[in-house]
Amino acid sequence: MALEDLYREVILDHYRSPRNRQALDRANAVADGNNPLCGDEVRIELLIEGGQVTAIGVTGHGCSISQASGSMMGDAVKGRTIETIRTLTGRFKGMMSIDGANDPGLDPNRPGAVLGDLESLQGVRKFPVRIKCANLPWTTLEEAIKRFVSTD
């Protein structure tokens, strides 16, 4: 199986069986995001305790790319500190940029190497209009954290 086929399978798995697809009863950080170009909508709910995301809910609807990205993002950030999540978000967005790596800490030949399953989304760069779909959950996550920090 070619690497591109494997990546496609990872994306489809997260789209068909999304992780962290739940509303949280005790969320203390919430944000909604949408992409008016394609109709993607996402809601990120976080429970942040002691500076760490202890629970995450990712709900909404949209294309396979936005939904898979949200599912993978939830897995990637659960249990991590806000600072680590900020770094991870920067690396993901760097990987998704057109040049593939605007983070000096990344290997320009493998910008997604530290991102695990999220690396499967790097092929989306070939379709610039879809980059916003992959970034939507992450941008919404940033907004939820920003709101939490400003009220904490």
C-alpha atoms as a PDB file:
ATOM      1  CA  MET A   1       0.000   0.000   0.000  1.00  0.00           C
ATOM      2  CA  ALA A   2       1.398   3.380  -1.012  1.00  0.00           C
ATOM      3  CA  LEU A   3       1.864   6.033   1.663  1.00  0.00           C
ATOM      4  CA  GLU A   4      -0.764   8.254   0.048  1.00  0.00           C
ATOM      5  CA  ASP A   5      -3.278   5.374   0.205  1.00  0.00           C
ATOM      6  CA  LEU A   6      -2.443   4.800   3.868  1.00  0.00           C
ATOM      7  CA  TYR A   7      -2.985   8.496   4.603  1.00  0.00           C
ATOM      8  CA  ARG A   8      -6.321   8.368   2.798  1.00  0.00           C
ATOM      9  CA  GLU A   9      -7.366   5.405   4.971  1.00  0.00           C
ATOM     10  CA  VAL A  10      -6.425   7.278   8.171  1.00  0.00           C
ATOM     11  CA  ILE A  11      -8.491  10.292   7.075  1.00  0.00           C
ATOM     12  CA  LEU A  12     -11.484   8.133   6.144  1.00  0.00           C
ATOM     13  CA  ASP A  13     -11.269   6.234   9.436  1.00  0.00           C
ATOM     14  CA  HIS A  14     -11.414   9.473  11.431  1.00  0.00           C
ATOM     15  CA  TYR A  15     -14.243  10.761   9.241  1.00  0.00           C
ATOM     16  CA  ARG A  16     -16.341   7.594   9.513  1.00  0.00           C
ATOM     17  CA  SER A  17     -15.609   6.995  13.211  1.00  0.00           C
ATOM     18  CA  PRO A  18     -14.795  10.401  14.688  1.00  0.00           C
ATOM     19  CA  ARG A  19     -13.151  10.458  18.096  1.00  0.00           C
ATOM     20  CA  ASN A  20     -14.194  12.882  20.843  1.00  0.00           C
ATOM     21  CA  ARG A  21     -17.523  13.552  19.119  1.00  0.00           C
ATOM     22  CA  GLN A  22     -19.447  14.645  22.173  1.00  0.00           C
ATOM     23  CA  ALA A  23     -20.834  17.652  23.952  1.00  0.00           C
ATOM     24  CA  LEU A  24     -19.244  18.270  27.339  1.00  0.00           C
ATOM     25  CA  ASP A  25     -21.446  18.917  30.352  1.00  0.00           C
ATOM     26  CA  ARG A  26     -18.777  20.903  32.186  1.00  0.00           C
ATOM     27  CA  ALA A  27     -16.891  22.665  29.399  1.00  0.00           C
ATOM     28  CA  ASN A  28     -15.120  25.817  30.559  1.00  0.00           C
ATOM     29  CA  ALA A  29     -13.798  26.816  27.124  1.00  0.00           C
ATOM     30  CA  VAL A  30     -16.041  26.849  24.055  1.00  0.00           C
ATOM     31  CA  ALA A  31     -15.780  28.247  20.536  1.00  0.00           C
ATOM     32  CA  ASP A  32     -17.667  27.842  17.281  1.00  0.00           C
ATOM     33  CA  GLY A  33     -16.077  28.058  13.863  1.00  0.00           C
ATOM     34  CA  ASN A  34     -17.315  27.913  10.316  1.00  0.00           C
ATOM     35  CA  ASN A  35     -16.013  28.043   6.801  1.00  0.00           C
ATOM     36  CA  PRO A  36     -18.543  29.965   4.704  1.00  0.00           C
ATOM     37  CA  LEU A  37     -16.877  28.842   1.467  1.00  0.00           C
ATOM     38  CA  CYS A  38     -17.837  25.202   1.916  1.00  0.00           C
ATOM     39  CA  GLY A  39     -20.286  25.163   4.826  1.00  0.00           C
ATOM     40  CA  ASP A  40     -18.088  23.378   7.385  1.00  0.00           C
ATOM     41  CA  GLU A  41     -19.092  24.060  10.991  1.00  0.00           C
ATOM     42  CA  VAL A  42     -17.312  22.973  14.149  1.00  0.00           C
ATOM     43  CA  ARG A  43     -17.819  23.481  17.870  1.00  0.00           C
ATOM     44  CA  ILE A  44     -14.933  22.870  20.244  1.00  0.00           C
ATOM     45  CA  GLU A  45     -15.676  22.359  23.933  1.00  0.00           C
ATOM     46  CA  LEU A  46     -12.833  21.942  26.399  1.00  0.00           C
ATOM     47  CA  LEU A  47     -12.541  21.130  30.058  1.00  0.00           C
ATOM     48  CA  ILE A  48      -9.296  22.719  31.183  1.00  0.00           C
ATOM     49  CA  GLU A  49      -8.072  21.889  34.670  1.00  0.00           C
ATOM     50  CA  GLY A  50      -4.706  22.940  36.049  1.00  0.00           C
ATOM     51  CA  GLY A  51      -3.628  24.284  32.666  1.00  0.00           C
ATOM     52  CA  GLN A  52      -4.282  20.946  30.985  1.00  0.00           C
ATOM     53  CA  VAL A  53      -7.070  19.837  28.626  1.00  0.00           C
ATOM     54  CA  THR A  54      -8.680  16.951  30.492  1.00  0.00           C
ATOM     55  CA  ALA A  55     -11.637  16.520  28.114  1.00  0.00           C
ATOM     56  CA  ILE A  56     -12.550  17.693  24.629  1.00  0.00           C
ATOM     57  CA  GLY A  57     -15.705  17.606  22.576  1.00  0.00           C
ATOM     58  CA  VAL A  58     -15.609  18.187  18.828  1.00  0.00           C
ATOM     59  CA  THR A  59     -19.008  18.497  17.170  1.00  0.00           C
ATOM     60  CA  GLY A  60     -20.361  19.939  13.954  1.00  0.00           C
ATOM     61  CA  HIS A  61     -20.672  18.905  10.357  1.00  0.00           C
ATOM     62  CA  GLY A  62     -18.789  19.339   7.147  1.00  0.00           C
ATOM     63  CA  CYS A  63     -16.525  17.683   4.648  1.00  0.00           C
ATOM     64  CA  SER A  64     -14.383  14.640   5.363  1.00  0.00           C
ATOM     65  CA  ILE A  65     -11.252  16.794   5.722  1.00  0.00           C
ATOM     66  CA  SER A  66     -12.643  19.127   8.406  1.00  0.00           C
ATOM     67  CA  GLN A  67     -14.277  16.290  10.325  1.00  0.00           C
ATOM     68  CA  ALA A  68     -11.193  14.052  10.201  1.00  0.00           C
ATOM     69  CA  SER A  69      -8.951  16.950  11.210  1.00  0.00           C
ATOM     70  CA  GLY A  70     -11.183  17.670  14.215  1.00  0.00           C
ATOM     71  CA  SER A  71     -11.152  14.028  15.253  1.00  0.00           C
ATOM     72  CA  MET A  72      -7.364  13.777  15.015  1.00  0.00           C
ATOM     73  CA  MET A  73      -6.962  17.115  16.773  1.00  0.00           C
ATOM     74  CA  GLY A  74      -9.049  15.902  19.710  1.00  0.00           C
ATOM     75  CA  ASP A  75      -6.837  12.856  20.123  1.00  0.00           C
ATOM     76  CA  ALA A  76      -3.700  14.968  19.807  1.00  0.00           C
ATOM     77  CA  VAL A  77      -4.591  17.602  22.426  1.00  0.00           C
ATOM     78  CA  LYS A  78      -6.367  15.602  25.125  1.00  0.00           C
ATOM     79  CA  GLY A  79      -4.189  15.457  28.225  1.00  0.00           C
ATOM     80  CA  ARG A  80      -1.810  18.176  27.048  1.00  0.00           C
ATOM     81  CA  THR A  81      -1.039  21.569  28.523  1.00  0.00           C
ATOM     82  CA  ILE A  82      -2.181  24.783  26.892  1.00  0.00           C
ATOM     83  CA  GLU A  83       1.417  25.666  26.034  1.00  0.00           C
ATOM     84  CA  THR A  84       2.025  22.286  24.388  1.00  0.00           C
ATOM     85  CA  ILE A  85      -1.233  22.656  22.447  1.00  0.00           C
ATOM     86  CA  ARG A  86      -0.133  26.073  21.195  1.00  0.00           C
ATOM     87  CA  THR A  87       3.118  24.563  19.931  1.00  0.00           C
ATOM     88  CA  LEU A  88       1.292  21.632  18.329  1.00  0.00           C
ATOM     89  CA  THR A  89      -1.170  24.011  16.657  1.00  0.00           C
ATOM     90  CA  GLY A  90       1.690  26.054  15.221  1.00  0.00           C
ATOM     91  CA  ARG A  91       3.358  22.942  13.888  1.00  0.00           C
ATOM     92  CA  PHE A  92       0.136  21.647  12.349  1.00  0.00           C
ATOM     93  CA  LYS A  93      -0.562  24.973  10.667  1.00  0.00           C
ATOM     94  CA  GLY A  94       3.057  25.108   9.511  1.00  0.00           C
ATOM     95  CA  MET A  95       2.675  21.688   7.936  1.00  0.00           C
ATOM     96  CA  MET A  96      -0.542  22.804   6.254  1.00  0.00           C
ATOM     97  CA  SER A  97       0.955  25.993   4.818  1.00  0.00           C
ATOM     98  CA  ILE A  98       1.640  26.019   1.087  1.00  0.00           C
ATOM     99  CA  ASP A  99       5.417  25.803   1.558  1.00  0.00           C
ATOM    100  CA  GLY A 100       4.937  22.961   4.025  1.00  0.00           C
ATOM    101  CA  ALA A 101       7.000  24.210   6.942  1.00  0.00           C
ATOM    102  CA  ASN A 102       7.116  27.712   8.353  1.00  0.00           C
ATOM    103  CA  ASP A 103       8.170  26.457  11.803  1.00  0.00           C
ATOM    104  CA  PRO A 104      11.978  26.543  12.132  1.00  0.00           C
ATOM    105  CA  GLY A 105      11.781  23.590  14.540  1.00  0.00           C
ATOM    106  CA  LEU A 106      10.475  21.289  11.821  1.00  0.00           C
ATOM    107  CA  ASP A 107      12.399  19.240   9.304  1.00  0.00           C
ATOM    108  CA  PRO A 108      11.509  20.926   5.976  1.00  0.00           C
ATOM    109  CA  ASN A 109      11.609  17.533   4.269  1.00  0.00           C
ATOM    110  CA  ARG A 110       9.138  16.012   6.736  1.00  0.00           C
ATOM    111  CA  PRO A 111       7.190  18.865   8.368  1.00  0.00           C
ATOM    112  CA  GLY A 112       4.596  16.520   9.833  1.00  0.00           C
ATOM    113  CA  ALA A 113       7.053  14.062  11.363  1.00  0.00           C
ATOM    114  CA  VAL A 114       6.240  15.087  14.955  1.00  0.00           C
ATOM    115  CA  LEU A 115       2.489  15.091  14.354  1.00  0.00           C
ATOM    116  CA  GLY A 116       1.633  11.386  14.112  1.00  0.00           C
ATOM    117  CA  ASP A 117      -1.718  10.702  12.394  1.00  0.00           C
ATOM    118  CA  LEU A 118      -2.082  14.422  11.689  1.00  0.00           C
ATOM    119  CA  GLU A 119       0.683  14.003   9.132  1.00  0.00           C
ATOM    120  CA  SER A 120      -1.859  12.202   6.942  1.00  0.00           C
ATOM    121  CA  LEU A 121      -3.501  15.571   6.242  1.00  0.00           C
ATOM    122  CA  GLN A 122      -0.427  17.115   4.621  1.00  0.00           C
ATOM    123  CA  GLY A 123      -1.586  15.980   1.170  1.00  0.00           C
ATOM    124  CA  VAL A 124      -4.397  18.540   1.472  1.00  0.00           C
ATOM    125  CA  ARG A 125      -1.781  21.216   0.670  1.00  0.00           C
ATOM    126  CA  LYS A 126      -2.084  20.165  -2.972  1.00  0.00           C
ATOM    127  CA  PHE A 127      -5.602  21.641  -2.881  1.00  0.00           C
ATOM    128  CA  PRO A 128      -5.226  25.146  -1.404  1.00  0.00           C
ATOM    129  CA  VAL A 129      -8.975  25.722  -1.136  1.00  0.00           C
ATOM    130  CA  ARG A 130      -9.181  22.695   1.218  1.00  0.00           C
ATOM    131  CA  ILE A 131      -6.466  23.910   3.601  1.00  0.00           C
ATOM    132  CA  LYS A 132      -9.087  26.008   5.414  1.00  0.00           C
ATOM    133  CA  CYS A 133     -11.134  22.841   5.922  1.00  0.00           C
ATOM    134  CA  ALA A 134      -8.221  21.118   7.679  1.00  0.00           C
ATOM    135  CA  ASN A 135      -7.332  24.224   9.709  1.00  0.00           C
ATOM    136  CA  LEU A 136     -10.887  25.031  10.866  1.00  0.00           C
ATOM    137  CA  PRO A 137     -10.878  22.813  13.992  1.00  0.00           C
ATOM    138  CA  TRP A 138      -7.454  24.140  14.955  1.00  0.00           C
ATOM    139  CA  THR A 139      -8.418  27.783  14.501  1.00  0.00           C
ATOM    140  CA  THR A 140     -11.532  27.132  16.576  1.00  0.00           C
ATOM    141  CA  LEU A 141      -9.430  25.393  19.247  1.00  0.00           C
ATOM    142  CA  GLU A 142      -7.171  28.461  19.389  1.00  0.00           C
ATOM    143  CA  GLU A 143     -10.227  30.671  19.891  1.00  0.00           C
ATOM    144  CA  ALA A 144     -11.558  28.474  22.723  1.00  0.00           C
ATOM    145  CA  ILE A 145      -8.191  28.601  24.494  1.00  0.00           C
ATOM    146  CA  LYS A 146      -7.903  32.360  23.943  1.00  0.00           C
ATOM    147  CA  ARG A 147     -11.320  32.869  25.547  1.00  0.00           C
ATOM    148  CA  PHE A 148     -10.411  30.619  28.476  1.00  0.00           C
ATOM    149  CA  VAL A 149      -7.126  32.404  29.125  1.00  0.00           C
ATOM    150  CA  SER A 150      -8.778  35.836  28.961  1.00  0.00           C
ATOM    151  CA  THR A 151     -11.349  34.841  31.615  1.00  0.00           C
ATOM    152  CA  ASP A 152      -9.047  32.769  33.823  1.00  0.00           C
END
